[in-house]
């Protein structure tokens, strides 16, 4: 689980927009503007555009 203070300052590296934090079915950060999903591994957000995957559906 990511720290609430960290979630407040994180932004999408591509558009600098807000991110949605999801924990189910996996822990990820979602940018709805760019339609990208950034994974979280061992409580570390992987905020690399090249490593993000496209958002499928909603």
Protein backbone atom coordinates (compact mmCIF):
# COMPACT_ATOMS: atom_id res chain seq x y z
CA UNK A 1 0.00 0.00 0.00
CA UNK A 2 1.43 3.36 -1.03
CA UNK A 3 1.75 6.14 1.52
CA UNK A 4 -1.04 8.73 1.29
CA UNK A 5 1.49 11.61 1.25
CA UNK A 6 3.26 10.06 -1.74
CA UNK A 7 -0.02 9.64 -3.61
CA UNK A 8 -0.77 13.34 -3.09
CA UNK A 9 2.40 14.44 -4.91
CA UNK A 10 2.66 11.83 -7.67
CA UNK A 11 1.66 12.89 -11.18
CA UNK A 12 1.75 11.26 -14.59
CA UNK A 13 5.24 11.72 -16.07
CA UNK A 14 3.78 12.24 -19.55
CA UNK A 15 1.03 14.84 -18.98
CA UNK A 16 1.63 15.80 -15.31
CA UNK A 17 -2.00 14.90 -14.65
CA UNK A 18 -3.65 13.23 -11.68
CA UNK A 19 -3.31 9.51 -11.09
CA UNK A 20 -5.84 7.03 -9.74
CA UNK A 21 -4.44 4.51 -7.27
CA UNK A 22 -5.87 0.99 -7.62
CA UNK A 23 -5.11 -2.03 -5.49
CA UNK A 24 -7.35 -4.61 -7.19
CA UNK A 25 -6.79 -6.82 -9.10
CA UNK A 26 -3.23 -5.48 -8.88
CA UNK A 27 -1.53 -2.43 -7.39
CA UNK A 28 -1.21 0.20 -10.13
CA UNK A 29 -1.44 3.93 -10.84
CA UNK A 30 -3.74 4.93 -13.71
CA UNK A 31 -3.63 8.10 -15.80
CA UNK A 32 -7.02 8.49 -17.46
CA UNK A 33 -5.83 11.43 -19.63
CA UNK A 34 -3.00 9.45 -21.25
CA UNK A 35 -4.80 6.11 -20.81
CA UNK A 36 -1.66 4.58 -19.28
CA UNK A 37 -1.18 2.21 -16.34
CA UNK A 38 1.98 2.38 -14.22
CA UNK A 39 2.74 -0.65 -12.09
CA UNK A 40 3.75 -0.61 -8.43
CA UNK A 41 6.35 -3.15 -7.30
CA UNK A 42 7.10 -3.66 -3.61
CA UNK A 43 5.56 -0.25 -2.76
CA UNK A 44 7.65 1.51 -5.44
CA UNK A 45 5.76 3.18 -8.30
CA UNK A 46 7.44 2.49 -11.65
CA UNK A 47 6.86 5.88 -13.29
CA UNK A 48 8.64 5.24 -16.58
CA UNK A 49 6.60 6.07 -19.67
CA UNK A 50 8.32 3.30 -21.65
CA UNK A 51 7.28 0.73 -19.02
CA UNK A 52 3.64 1.83 -18.75
CA UNK A 53 0.96 -0.21 -20.46
CA UNK A 54 -2.21 0.98 -22.20
CA UNK A 55 -5.39 1.22 -20.15
CA UNK A 56 -7.91 -1.36 -21.38
CA UNK A 57 -11.50 -0.24 -20.93
CA UNK A 58 -12.25 1.52 -17.64
